[in-house]
Amino acid sequence: QLQLVESGGGLVQPGGSLTLSCAASGFTLADYAVGWFRQAPGKEREAVSCITVGGSSTKYADFVKGRFSISRDTNKNTVNLQMNSLEPEDTAVYYCAADRFRGRACLGLVSVAYDVEPDYWGQGTQVTVSS
């Protein structure tokens, strides 16, 4: 069974840091492009960051540039999202998604002819930034 599981969410004060991890089971995550998305209460889902197969290219939403960093750990079969200088506006449920096609995993971060959802999604992890 192919599965993605996010972890690392929690409560953090403004200005703090968290590292989210997206772990894959049943498949090799390094063979897939991976994206991080988030959805805050009452708001639409938005793309946060993505990384291509092999990690040669990364993309970030403007609102996280310079604060978030995405990376692969092929030994652990994970993709991590390092989040620094967190702001209350970063409060959301964060989801990772994987797809063999970059345009799907990076949906919202790259120009594509058609919007197609990534094949695999995790269940999400809550990030709350509050004092």
Foldseek 3Di string as FASTA:
>chain_A
DWAKAKDWADEAAAQAKIKIKIAIPPDQQLLWKKWKWWDAPPGDIATAKIAGRVRPDMFGDPVQPPFWDWDDDRVRSMIMIIGGRDDQVPWTWMKMAIANDNCQNCPRGDDDPDHDHGDHMHPTDTHGYHD
